PDB file of N, CA and C in Angstrom:
ATOM      1  N   UNK A   1      87.869 105.750 105.896  1.00  0.00           N
ATOM      2  CA  UNK A   1      88.779 104.870 106.455  1.00  0.00           C
ATOM      3  C   UNK A   1      89.926 104.482 105.464  1.00  0.00           C
ATOM      4  N   UNK A   2      91.126 104.473 105.787  1.00  0.00           N
ATOM      5  CA  UNK A   2      92.217 104.002 104.946  1.00  0.00           C
ATOM      6  C   UNK A   2      92.932 102.881 105.518  1.00  0.00           C
ATOM      7  N   UNK A   3      93.541 101.988 104.839  1.00  0.00           N
ATOM      8  CA  UNK A   3      94.166 100.796 105.186  1.00  0.00           C
ATOM      9  C   UNK A   3      95.654 100.741 104.743  1.00  0.00           C
ATOM     10  N   UNK A   4      96.454 100.179 105.421  1.00  0.00           N
ATOM     11  CA  UNK A   4      97.950 100.138 105.132  1.00  0.00           C
ATOM     12  C   UNK A   4      98.568  98.888 105.678  1.00  0.00           C
ATOM     13  N   UNK A   5      99.784  98.773 105.367  1.00  0.00           N
ATOM     14  CA  UNK A   5     100.747  97.756 105.825  1.00  0.00           C
ATOM     15  C   UNK A   5     100.095  96.310 105.632  1.00  0.00           C
ATOM     16  N   UNK A   6      99.838  96.035 104.234  1.00  0.00           N
ATOM     17  CA  UNK A   6      99.333  94.671 103.972  1.00  0.00           C
ATOM     18  C   UNK A   6     100.372  93.587 104.256  1.00  0.00           C
ATOM     19  N   UNK A   7     100.089  92.538 104.862  1.00  0.00           N
ATOM     20  CA  UNK A   7     100.954  91.465 105.075  1.00  0.00           C
ATOM     21  C   UNK A   7     100.207  90.086 105.116  1.00  0.00           C
ATOM     22  N   UNK A   8     101.036  89.070 105.177  1.00  0.00           N
ATOM     23  CA  UNK A   8     100.547  87.694 105.154  1.00  0.00           C
ATOM     24  C   UNK A   8     100.506  87.180 106.544  1.00  0.00           C
ATOM     25  N   UNK A   9     101.136  87.712 107.469  1.00  0.00           N
ATOM     26  CA  UNK A   9     101.086  87.143 108.959  1.00  0.00           C
ATOM     27  C   UNK A   9     101.379  88.336 109.973  1.00  0.00           C
ATOM     28  N   UNK A  10     100.926  88.131 111.121  1.00  0.00           N
ATOM     29  CA  UNK A  10     101.066  89.187 112.208  1.00  0.00           C
ATOM     30  C   UNK A  10     100.777  88.526 113.498  1.00  0.00           C
ATOM     31  N   UNK A  11     101.534  89.062 114.510  1.00  0.00           N
ATOM     32  CA  UNK A  11     101.205  88.587 115.900  1.00  0.00           C
ATOM     33  C   UNK A  11     100.921  89.895 116.739  1.00  0.00           C
ATOM     34  N   UNK A  12      99.669  89.924 117.186  1.00  0.00           N
ATOM     35  CA  UNK A  12      99.199  90.972 118.021  1.00  0.00           C
ATOM     36  C   UNK A  12      99.472  90.522 119.579  1.00  0.00           C
ATOM     37  N   UNK A  13     100.283  91.156 120.229  1.00  0.00           N
ATOM     38  CA  UNK A  13     100.509  90.714 121.635  1.00  0.00           C
ATOM     39  C   UNK A  13      99.477  90.896 122.615  1.00  0.00           C
ATOM     40  N   UNK A  14      98.712  92.021 122.484  1.00  0.00           N
ATOM     41  CA  UNK A  14      97.762  92.396 123.576  1.00  0.00           C
ATOM     42  C   UNK A  14      96.478  92.326 123.171  1.00  0.00           C
ATOM     43  N   UNK A  15      95.944  91.120 122.580  1.00  0.00           N
ATOM     44  CA  UNK A  15      94.671  90.971 121.959  1.00  0.00           C
ATOM     45  C   UNK A  15      93.645  90.595 123.080  1.00  0.00           C
ATOM     46  N   UNK A  16      92.502  91.158 123.108  1.00  0.00           N
ATOM     47  CA  UNK A  16      91.433  90.699 124.173  1.00  0.00           C
ATOM     48  C   UNK A  16      90.971  89.290 123.893  1.00  0.00           C
ATOM     49  N   UNK A  17      91.134  88.508 124.949  1.00  0.00           N
ATOM     50  CA  UNK A  17      90.789  87.148 124.975  1.00  0.00           C
ATOM     51  C   UNK A  17      89.321  86.793 125.462  1.00  0.00           C
ATOM     52  N   UNK A  18      88.775  87.800 126.218  1.00  0.00           N
ATOM     53  CA  UNK A  18      87.523  87.714 126.920  1.00  0.00           C
ATOM     54  C   UNK A  18      87.608  88.113 128.363  1.00  0.00           C
ATOM     55  N   UNK A  19      86.475  88.618 128.864  1.00  0.00           N
ATOM     56  CA  UNK A  19      86.430  89.247 130.133  1.00  0.00           C
ATOM     57  C   UNK A  19      87.616  90.220 130.313  1.00  0.00           C
ATOM     58  N   UNK A  20      88.526  90.080 131.285  1.00  0.00           N
ATOM     59  CA  UNK A  20      89.567  90.932 131.590  1.00  0.00           C
ATOM     60  C   UNK A  20      90.922  90.270 131.140  1.00  0.00           C
ATOM     61  N   UNK A  21      90.898  89.232 130.199  1.00  0.00           N
ATOM     62  CA  UNK A  21      92.083  88.580 129.908  1.00  0.00           C
ATOM     63  C   UNK A  21      92.646  89.033 128.528  1.00  0.00           C
ATOM     64  N   UNK A  22      93.895  89.149 128.331  1.00  0.00           N
ATOM     65  CA  UNK A  22      94.450  89.632 127.132  1.00  0.00           C
ATOM     66  C   UNK A  22      95.750  88.614 126.832  1.00  0.00           C
ATOM     67  N   UNK A  23      95.910  88.486 125.594  1.00  0.00           N
ATOM     68  CA  UNK A  23      97.251  87.581 125.229  1.00  0.00           C
ATOM     69  C   UNK A  23      97.386  87.773 123.765  1.00  0.00           C
ATOM     70  N   UNK A  24      98.383  86.932 123.269  1.00  0.00           N
ATOM     71  CA  UNK A  24      98.775  87.024 121.869  1.00  0.00           C
ATOM     72  C   UNK A  24      97.738  86.464 120.949  1.00  0.00           C
ATOM     73  N   UNK A  25      97.620  86.971 119.713  1.00  0.00           N
ATOM     74  CA  UNK A  25      96.795  86.484 118.649  1.00  0.00           C
ATOM     75  C   UNK A  25      97.710  86.436 117.415  1.00  0.00           C
ATOM     76  N   UNK A  26      97.641  85.288 116.793  1.00  0.00           N
ATOM     77  CA  UNK A  26      98.543  85.114 115.583  1.00  0.00           C
ATOM     78  C   UNK A  26      97.599  85.080 114.338  1.00  0.00           C
ATOM     79  N   UNK A  27      97.757  85.992 113.417  1.00  0.00           N
ATOM     80  CA  UNK A  27      97.029  85.951 112.240  1.00  0.00           C
ATOM     81  C   UNK A  27      97.891  85.463 111.047  1.00  0.00           C
ATOM     82  N   UNK A  28      97.331  84.918 110.156  1.00  0.00           N
ATOM     83  CA  UNK A  28      98.087  84.350 108.974  1.00  0.00           C
ATOM     84  C   UNK A  28      97.134  84.285 107.859  1.00  0.00           C
ATOM     85  N   UNK A  29      97.772  84.130 106.614  1.00  0.00           N
ATOM     86  CA  UNK A  29      96.992  83.934 105.470  1.00  0.00           C
ATOM     87  C   UNK A  29      97.324  82.445 104.931  1.00  0.00           C
ATOM     88  N   UNK A  30      96.156  81.690 104.886  1.00  0.00           N
ATOM     89  CA  UNK A  30      96.288  80.382 104.365  1.00  0.00           C
ATOM     90  C   UNK A  30      96.054  80.312 102.912  1.00  0.00           C
ATOM     91  N   UNK A  31      96.841  79.527 102.226  1.00  0.00           N
ATOM     92  CA  UNK A  31      96.852  79.475 100.704  1.00  0.00           C
ATOM     93  C   UNK A  31      96.482  78.111 100.309  1.00  0.00           C
ATOM     94  N   UNK A  32      95.487  78.029  99.276  1.00  0.00           N
ATOM     95  CA  UNK A  32      95.125  76.675  98.687  1.00  0.00           C
ATOM     96  C   UNK A  32      95.216  76.926  97.284  1.00  0.00           C
ATOM     97  N   UNK A  33      95.815  76.055  96.517  1.00  0.00           N
ATOM     98  CA  UNK A  33      95.953  76.239  95.028  1.00  0.00           C
ATOM     99  C   UNK A  33      94.758  76.343  94.299  1.00  0.00           C
ATOM    100  N   UNK A  34      93.642  75.582  94.690  1.00  0.00           N
ATOM    101  CA  UNK A  34      92.341  75.581  94.185  1.00  0.00           C
ATOM    102  C   UNK A  34      91.387  76.534  94.653  1.00  0.00           C
ATOM    103  N   UNK A  35      91.361  76.780  96.021  1.00  0.00           N
ATOM    104  CA  UNK A  35      90.354  77.673  96.517  1.00  0.00           C
ATOM    105  C   UNK A  35      90.671  79.044  96.616  1.00  0.00           C
ATOM    106  N   UNK A  36      91.962  79.320  96.785  1.00  0.00           N
ATOM    107  CA  UNK A  36      92.361  80.705  96.981  1.00  0.00           C
ATOM    108  C   UNK A  36      93.048  80.914  98.337  1.00  0.00           C
ATOM    109  N   UNK A  37      92.687  82.031  98.979  1.00  0.00           N
ATOM    110  CA  UNK A  37      93.321  82.433 100.274  1.00  0.00           C
ATOM    111  C   UNK A  37      92.339  82.764 101.325  1.00  0.00           C
ATOM    112  N   UNK A  38      92.719  82.611 102.535  1.00  0.00           N
ATOM    113  CA  UNK A  38      91.738  82.977 103.541  1.00  0.00           C
ATOM    114  C   UNK A  38      92.573  83.382 104.893  1.00  0.00           C
ATOM    115  N   UNK A  39      91.902  84.113 105.729  1.00  0.00           N
ATOM    116  CA  UNK A  39      92.537  84.569 106.928  1.00  0.00           C
ATOM    117  C   UNK A  39      92.300  83.628 108.111  1.00  0.00           C
ATOM    118  N   UNK A  40      93.270  83.386 108.961  1.00  0.00           N
ATOM    119  CA  UNK A  40      93.215  82.536 110.048  1.00  0.00           C
ATOM    120  C   UNK A  40      93.550  83.150 111.257  1.00  0.00           C
ATOM    121  N   UNK A  41      92.891  83.269 112.366  1.00  0.00           N
ATOM    122  CA  UNK A  41      93.343  83.857 113.719  1.00  0.00           C
ATOM    123  C   UNK A  41      93.390  82.727 114.763  1.00  0.00           C
ATOM    124  N   UNK A  42      94.535  82.721 115.409  1.00  0.00           N
ATOM    125  CA  UNK A  42      94.728  81.735 116.505  1.00  0.00           C
ATOM    126  C   UNK A  42      95.064  82.413 117.816  1.00  0.00           C
ATOM    127  N   UNK A  43      94.199  82.142 118.848  1.00  0.00           N
ATOM    128  CA  UNK A  43      94.559  82.723 120.164  1.00  0.00           C
ATOM    129  C   UNK A  43      94.770  81.486 121.197  1.00  0.00           C
ATOM    130  N   UNK A  44      93.906  81.219 122.022  1.00  0.00           N
ATOM    131  CA  UNK A  44      94.055  80.122 122.957  1.00  0.00           C
ATOM    132  C   UNK A  44      93.388  78.756 122.535  1.00  0.00           C
ATOM    133  N   UNK A  45      92.367  78.884 121.648  1.00  0.00           N
ATOM    134  CA  UNK A  45      91.740  77.633 121.287  1.00  0.00           C
ATOM    135  C   UNK A  45      91.951  77.236 119.864  1.00  0.00           C
ATOM    136  N   UNK A  46      91.010  76.674 119.338  1.00  0.00           N
ATOM    137  CA  UNK A  46      91.077  76.235 117.884  1.00  0.00           C
ATOM    138  C   UNK A  46      91.144  77.453 116.948  1.00  0.00           C
ATOM    139  N   UNK A  47      91.923  77.340 115.855  1.00  0.00           N
ATOM    140  CA  UNK A  47      91.988  78.510 114.987  1.00  0.00           C
ATOM    141  C   UNK A  47      90.593  78.981 114.382  1.00  0.00           C
ATOM    142  N   UNK A  48      90.311  80.200 114.194  1.00  0.00           N
ATOM    143  CA  UNK A  48      89.195  80.758 113.535  1.00  0.00           C
ATOM    144  C   UNK A  48      89.408  81.050 112.141  1.00  0.00           C
ATOM    145  N   UNK A  49      88.813  80.512 111.214  1.00  0.00           N
ATOM    146  CA  UNK A  49      89.156  80.669 109.828  1.00  0.00           C
ATOM    147  C   UNK A  49      87.953  81.320 109.088  1.00  0.00           C
ATOM    148  N   UNK A  50      88.276  82.247 108.127  1.00  0.00           N
ATOM    149  CA  UNK A  50      87.164  82.822 107.260  1.00  0.00           C
ATOM    150  C   UNK A  50      87.156  81.975 106.031  1.00  0.00           C
ATOM    151  N   UNK A  51      86.102  82.375 105.183  1.00  0.00           N
ATOM    152  CA  UNK A  51      85.898  81.558 103.937  1.00  0.00           C
ATOM    153  C   UNK A  51      86.905  82.044 102.914  1.00  0.00           C
ATOM    154  N   UNK A  52      87.118  81.311 101.945  1.00  0.00           N
ATOM    155  CA  UNK A  52      88.099  81.667 100.783  1.00  0.00           C
ATOM    156  C   UNK A  52      87.731  82.713 100.025  1.00  0.00           C
ATOM    157  N   UNK A  53      88.735  83.438  99.563  1.00  0.00           N
ATOM    158  CA  UNK A  53      88.636  84.535  98.503  1.00  0.00           C
ATOM    159  C   UNK A  53      89.709  84.454  97.610  1.00  0.00           C
ATOM    160  N   UNK A  54      89.779  85.174  96.609  1.00  0.00           N
ATOM    161  CA  UNK A  54      90.827  85.204  95.647  1.00  0.00           C
ATOM    162  C   UNK A  54      92.047  85.577  96.221  1.00  0.00           C
ATOM    163  N   UNK A  55      92.092  86.643  97.059  1.00  0.00           N
ATOM    164  CA  UNK A  55      93.362  87.163  97.677  1.00  0.00           C
ATOM    165  C   UNK A  55      92.836  87.689  99.072  1.00  0.00           C
ATOM    166  N   UNK A  56      93.736  87.459 100.083  1.00  0.00           N
ATOM    167  CA  UNK A  56      93.446  88.083 101.553  1.00  0.00           C
ATOM    168  C   UNK A  56      94.824  88.573 101.974  1.00  0.00           C
ATOM    169  N   UNK A  57      94.496  89.656 102.764  1.00  0.00           N
ATOM    170  CA  UNK A  57      95.609  90.344 103.395  1.00  0.00           C
ATOM    171  C   UNK A  57      95.245  90.741 104.846  1.00  0.00           C
ATOM    172  N   UNK A  58      96.246  90.885 105.796  1.00  0.00           N
ATOM    173  CA  UNK A  58      96.090  91.445 107.073  1.00  0.00           C
ATOM    174  C   UNK A  58      96.482  92.905 106.941  1.00  0.00           C
ATOM    175  N   UNK A  59      95.639  93.854 107.348  1.00  0.00           N
ATOM    176  CA  UNK A  59      96.005  95.249 107.096  1.00  0.00           C
ATOM    177  C   UNK A  59      95.776  96.032 108.478  1.00  0.00           C
ATOM    178  N   UNK A  60      96.205  97.280 108.451  1.00  0.00           N
ATOM    179  CA  UNK A  60      96.008  98.063 109.644  1.00  0.00           C
ATOM    180  C   UNK A  60      95.170  99.316 109.185  1.00  0.00           C
ATOM    181  N   UNK A  61      94.184  99.520 109.974  1.00  0.00           N
ATOM    182  CA  UNK A  61      93.310 100.704 109.727  1.00  0.00           C
ATOM    183  C   UNK A  61      93.861 101.972 110.304  1.00  0.00           C
ATOM    184  N   UNK A  62      93.389 103.163 109.812  1.00  0.00           N
ATOM    185  CA  UNK A  62      93.970 104.427 110.343  1.00  0.00           C
ATOM    186  C   UNK A  62      93.317 104.627 111.720  1.00  0.00           C
ATOM    187  N   UNK A  63      92.471 103.790 112.244  1.00  0.00           N
ATOM    188  CA  UNK A  63      92.011 103.973 113.571  1.00  0.00           C
ATOM    189  C   UNK A  63      92.840 103.138 114.603  1.00  0.00           C
ATOM    190  N   UNK A  64      93.998 102.377 114.130  1.00  0.00           N
ATOM    191  CA  UNK A  64      94.877 101.704 114.981  1.00  0.00           C
ATOM    192  C   UNK A  64      94.484 100.154 115.109  1.00  0.00           C
ATOM    193  N   UNK A  65      93.346  99.864 114.385  1.00  0.00           N
ATOM    194  CA  UNK A  65      92.886  98.455 114.663  1.00  0.00           C
ATOM    195  C   UNK A  65      93.444  97.498 113.363  1.00  0.00           C
ATOM    196  N   UNK A  66      93.357  96.191 113.664  1.00  0.00           N
ATOM    197  CA  UNK A  66      93.640  95.261 112.724  1.00  0.00           C
ATOM    198  C   UNK A  66      92.445  94.902 111.922  1.00  0.00           C
ATOM    199  N   UNK A  67      92.479  94.764 110.648  1.00  0.00           N
ATOM    200  CA  UNK A  67      91.466  94.304 109.689  1.00  0.00           C
ATOM    201  C   UNK A  67      91.898  93.264 108.746  1.00  0.00           C
ATOM    202  N   UNK A  68      91.006  92.642 108.083  1.00  0.00           N
ATOM    203  CA  UNK A  68      91.348  91.564 107.101  1.00  0.00           C
ATOM    204  C   UNK A  68      90.695  92.024 105.766  1.00  0.00           C
ATOM    205  N   UNK A  69      91.439  92.135 104.757  1.00  0.00           N
ATOM    206  CA  UNK A  69      90.951  92.516 103.403  1.00  0.00           C
ATOM    207  C   UNK A  69      90.926  91.362 102.522  1.00  0.00           C
ATOM    208  N   UNK A  70      89.787  91.193 101.828  1.00  0.00           N
ATOM    209  CA  UNK A  70      89.727  90.180 100.894  1.00  0.00           C
ATOM    210  C   UNK A  70      89.090  90.592  99.604  1.00  0.00           C
ATOM    211  N   UNK A  71      89.650  90.001  98.533  1.00  0.00           N
ATOM    212  CA  UNK A  71      89.192  90.223  97.221  1.00  0.00           C
ATOM    213  C   UNK A  71      88.403  89.102  96.635  1.00  0.00           C
ATOM    214  N   UNK A  72      87.133  89.243  96.459  1.00  0.00           N
ATOM    215  CA  UNK A  72      86.217  88.342  96.092  1.00  0.00           C
ATOM    216  C   UNK A  72      86.340  88.005  94.586  1.00  0.00           C
ATOM    217  N   UNK A  73      85.635  86.835  94.313  1.00  0.00           N
ATOM    218  CA  UNK A  73      85.664  86.397  92.906  1.00  0.00           C
ATOM    219  C   UNK A  73      84.842  87.318  91.947  1.00  0.00           C
ATOM    220  N   UNK A  74      83.962  88.128  92.622  1.00  0.00           N
ATOM    221  CA  UNK A  74      83.115  89.148  91.884  1.00  0.00           C
ATOM    222  C   UNK A  74      83.755  90.378  91.751  1.00  0.00           C
ATOM    223  N   UNK A  75      85.020  90.598  92.260  1.00  0.00           N
ATOM    224  CA  UNK A  75      85.693  91.819  92.100  1.00  0.00           C
ATOM    225  C   UNK A  75      85.509  92.782  93.299  1.00  0.00           C
ATOM    226  N   UNK A  76      84.757  92.518  94.246  1.00  0.00           N
ATOM    227  CA  UNK A  76      84.544  93.346  95.466  1.00  0.00           C
ATOM    228  C   UNK A  76      85.665  93.109  96.458  1.00  0.00           C
ATOM    229  N   UNK A  77      85.923  94.181  97.117  1.00  0.00           N
ATOM    230  CA  UNK A  77      86.884  94.282  98.191  1.00  0.00           C
ATOM    231  C   UNK A  77      86.065  94.266  99.460  1.00  0.00           C
ATOM    232  N   UNK A  78      86.329  93.235 100.283  1.00  0.00           N
ATOM    233  CA  UNK A  78      85.623  93.112 101.607  1.00  0.00           C
ATOM    234  C   UNK A  78      86.498  93.324 102.753  1.00  0.00           C
ATOM    235  N   UNK A  79      86.162  94.142 103.764  1.00  0.00           N
ATOM    236  CA  UNK A  79      86.988  94.410 104.801  1.00  0.00           C
ATOM    237  C   UNK A  79      86.330  93.934 106.189  1.00  0.00           C
ATOM    238  N   UNK A  80      86.874  92.889 106.766  1.00  0.00           N
ATOM    239  CA  UNK A  80      86.436  92.340 108.060  1.00  0.00           C
ATOM    240  C   UNK A  80      87.236  92.942 109.172  1.00  0.00           C
ATOM    241  N   UNK A  81      86.423  92.973 110.292  1.00  0.00           N
ATOM    242  CA  UNK A  81      87.167  93.349 111.530  1.00  0.00           C
ATOM    243  C   UNK A  81      88.158  92.269 112.027  1.00  0.00           C
ATOM    244  N   UNK A  82      89.050  92.575 112.676  1.00  0.00           N
ATOM    245  CA  UNK A  82      90.095  91.583 113.333  1.00  0.00           C
ATOM    246  C   UNK A  82      89.412  90.435 114.103  1.00  0.00           C
ATOM    247  N   UNK A  83      88.367  90.805 114.673  1.00  0.00           N
ATOM    248  CA  UNK A  83      87.611  89.738 115.548  1.00  0.00           C
ATOM    249  C   UNK A  83      86.830  88.733 114.777  1.00  0.00           C
ATOM    250  N   UNK A  84      86.893  88.987 113.534  1.00  0.00           N
ATOM    251  CA  UNK A  84      86.296  88.010 112.505  1.00  0.00           C
ATOM    252  C   UNK A  84      84.786  87.900 112.667  1.00  0.00           C
ATOM    253  N   UNK A  85      84.100  88.747 113.349  1.00  0.00           N
ATOM    254  CA  UNK A  85      82.627  88.594 113.638  1.00  0.00           C
ATOM    255  C   UNK A  85      81.849  89.486 112.705  1.00  0.00           C
ATOM    256  N   UNK A  86      82.351  90.671 112.262  1.00  0.00           N
ATOM    257  CA  UNK A  86      81.594  91.695 111.491  1.00  0.00           C
ATOM    258  C   UNK A  86      82.405  92.100 110.266  1.00  0.00           C
ATOM    259  N   UNK A  87      81.637  92.332 109.290  1.00  0.00           N
ATOM    260  CA  UNK A  87      82.145  92.933 108.123  1.00  0.00           C
ATOM    261  C   UNK A  87      82.176  94.497 108.297  1.00  0.00           C
ATOM    262  N   UNK A  88      83.281  95.174 108.065  1.00  0.00           N
ATOM    263  CA  UNK A  88      83.415  96.543 108.228  1.00  0.00           C
ATOM    264  C   UNK A  88      82.887  97.241 107.065  1.00  0.00           C
ATOM    265  N   UNK A  89      83.151  96.841 105.869  1.00  0.00           N
ATOM    266  CA  UNK A  89      82.615  97.555 104.592  1.00  0.00           C
ATOM    267  C   UNK A  89      82.924  96.693 103.463  1.00  0.00           C
ATOM    268  N   UNK A  90      82.247  96.959 102.333  1.00  0.00           N
ATOM    269  CA  UNK A  90      82.465  96.322 100.980  1.00  0.00           C
ATOM    270  C   UNK A  90      82.521  97.452 100.082  1.00  0.00           C
ATOM    271  N   UNK A  91      83.706  97.414  99.204  1.00  0.00           N
ATOM    272  CA  UNK A  91      84.069  98.414  98.209  1.00  0.00           C
ATOM    273  C   UNK A  91      83.809  97.822  96.905  1.00  0.00           C
ATOM    274  N   UNK A  92      83.019  98.566  95.988  1.00  0.00           N
ATOM    275  CA  UNK A  92      82.743  98.218  94.676  1.00  0.00           C
ATOM    276  C   UNK A  92      83.685  98.915  93.735  1.00  0.00           C
ATOM    277  N   UNK A  93      83.645  98.429  92.496  1.00  0.00           N
ATOM    278  CA  UNK A  93      84.469  99.076  91.548  1.00  0.00           C
ATOM    279  C   UNK A  93      84.169 100.578  91.073  1.00  0.00           C
ATOM    280  N   UNK A  94      82.896 100.939  91.653  1.00  0.00           N
ATOM    281  CA  UNK A  94      82.494 102.225  91.348  1.00  0.00           C
ATOM    282  C   UNK A  94      82.960 103.244  92.370  1.00  0.00           C
ATOM    283  N   UNK A  95      83.546 102.700  93.515  1.00  0.00           N
ATOM    284  CA  UNK A  95      83.963 103.565  94.732  1.00  0.00           C
ATOM    285  C   UNK A  95      85.268 104.190  94.326  1.00  0.00           C
ATOM    286  N   UNK A  96      85.506 105.425  94.637  1.00  0.00           N
ATOM    287  CA  UNK A  96      86.802 106.193  94.260  1.00  0.00           C
ATOM    288  C   UNK A  96      87.965 105.491  95.017  1.00  0.00           C
ATOM    289  N   UNK A  97      87.805 104.857  96.117  1.00  0.00           N
ATOM    290  CA  UNK A  97      88.922 104.169  96.774  1.00  0.00           C
ATOM    291  C   UNK A  97      89.177 102.796  96.232  1.00  0.00           C
ATOM    292  N   UNK A  98      88.407 102.258  95.285  1.00  0.00           N
ATOM    293  CA  UNK A  98      88.694 100.935  94.886  1.00  0.00           C
ATOM    294  C   UNK A  98      90.195 100.517  94.374  1.00  0.00           C
ATOM    295  N   UNK A  99      90.605 101.318  93.631  1.00  0.00           N
ATOM    296  CA  UNK A  99      91.938 101.137  93.028  1.00  0.00           C
ATOM    297  C   UNK A  99      93.016 101.222  94.173  1.00  0.00           C
ATOM    298  N   UNK A 100      92.814 102.002  95.080  1.00  0.00           N
ATOM    299  CA  UNK A 100      93.648 102.079  96.231  1.00  0.00           C
ATOM    300  C   UNK A 100      93.668 100.831  97.009  1.00  0.00           C
ATOM    301  N   UNK A 101      92.437 100.302  97.218  1.00  0.00           N
ATOM    302  CA  UNK A 101      92.315  99.069  98.076  1.00  0.00           C
ATOM    303  C   UNK A 101      92.846  97.863  97.215  1.00  0.00           C
ATOM    304  N   UNK A 102      92.669  97.880  95.864  1.00  0.00           N
ATOM    305  CA  UNK A 102      93.350  96.763  95.063  1.00  0.00           C
ATOM    306  C   UNK A 102      94.790  96.697  95.128  1.00  0.00           C
ATOM    307  N   UNK A 103      95.462  97.853  95.436  1.00  0.00           N
ATOM    308  CA  UNK A 103      96.868  97.835  95.648  1.00  0.00           C
ATOM    309  C   UNK A 103      97.284  97.094  96.805  1.00  0.00           C
ATOM    310  N   UNK A 104      96.458  96.851  97.770  1.00  0.00           N
ATOM    311  CA  UNK A 104      96.769  96.098  99.009  1.00  0.00           C
ATOM    312  C   UNK A 104      97.103  94.670  98.665  1.00  0.00           C
ATOM    313  N   UNK A 105      96.596  94.095  97.402  1.00  0.00           N
ATOM    314  CA  UNK A 105      96.754  92.748  97.204  1.00  0.00           C
ATOM    315  C   UNK A 105      97.999  92.485  96.177  1.00  0.00           C
ATOM    316  N   UNK A 106      98.674  93.597  95.969  1.00  0.00           N
ATOM    317  CA  UNK A 106      99.913  93.333  95.088  1.00  0.00           C
ATOM    318  C   UNK A 106     100.922  92.316  95.855  1.00  0.00           C
ATOM    319  N   UNK A 107     101.841  91.963  95.220  1.00  0.00           N
ATOM    320  CA  UNK A 107     102.815  91.022  95.714  1.00  0.00           C
ATOM    321  C   UNK A 107     103.309  91.434  97.136  1.00  0.00           C
ATOM    322  N   UNK A 108     103.283  90.536  98.089  1.00  0.00           N
ATOM    323  CA  UNK A 108     103.684  90.822  99.455  1.00  0.00           C
ATOM    324  C   UNK A 108     104.695  89.603  99.763  1.00  0.00           C
ATOM    325  N   UNK A 109     105.802  90.038 100.341  1.00  0.00           N
ATOM    326  CA  UNK A 109     106.779  88.884 100.819  1.00  0.00           C
ATOM    327  C   UNK A 109     106.158  88.109 101.809  1.00  0.00           C
ATOM    328  N   UNK A 110     106.529  86.692 101.705  1.00  0.00           N
ATOM    329  CA  UNK A 110     106.036  85.774 102.699  1.00  0.00           C
ATOM    330  C   UNK A 110     106.811  85.904 104.074  1.00  0.00           C
TER     331      UNK A 110
END
């Protein structure tokens, strides 16, 4: 799987809300000077927040889905699904795609 279009915020208009309902989902990256960055998703209720990482980005997968990329303090790149329920994959420094994924965390305009 490849990931592209790293960003700090996104609005997905046709997000599944449950049963047969769909609506907008707002994704953003929350920054804290001491803790780092984390992804936040807001739909109809309270915001859903992930734990802090060194860096976090909202990315698009080559399958057309939204994912959340996080760089941990241990140097691992963790990819979470946009629903924030499951981890898609963890990429270690020995993986050939590691450098490619690190590039997702380069400077991104707010």
